[in-house]
């Protein structure tokens, strides 16, 4: 029967199309990857931290640059360093701060060691906010914004004090125009992970 044969061909073609679509559907793979990165115990702690760090460095140096306001972009990596400080403690935050800053120095090619120094100090300072019994609370409420703002201001202060040496840029203008605005912008963006953590059942 010609019509039955044609229907079988169409049905077979639809099955092949559905199989191809399921093969190229990356949502289950992305869901698995996100769960692996974010669920504690799903992989070694420092491997998970390192992978997230690499992803965020890629975002910081590419996509985040499109969110600039008056040539100032939020420091996503600083937010991540504060997160490490709140969840892991002072030493990991200091080490990751140095590593992240050094990578950013190498990527930017400007003033090698400046970001490494400022982010190391920011990680060390943020480490004082670590409380083993208050990790969930500190991640999920306004205190996380205070921690981020404090670390960001210290980071920017050190950065611009050194950056403006021997240049025509006025220190006061650099710190209070660029540094302060960058601090406020970064703190504002830090509200995003804060609200995400606040919605997690374990942090309620």
Foldseek 3Di string as FASTA:
>chain_A
DVVVVVVVVVVVVVVVVVVVVVVPPCVVVVVVVVCCLPPPPSDDPVVSLVVVLVVVLVCVVPVQCVVDDPSAGADVVLLSLLLCLQAPAQPVSLVVQLVSQQVVCVVVVPPHPLSNVLSNVLSNQSRVNHDNVCSLVCLQDCVSLVSQLVSQLSSQLSNLVVVCVPHPDDSVCSNVVRSNVNSVNNSVVSVVSNNVSNPDPVSD
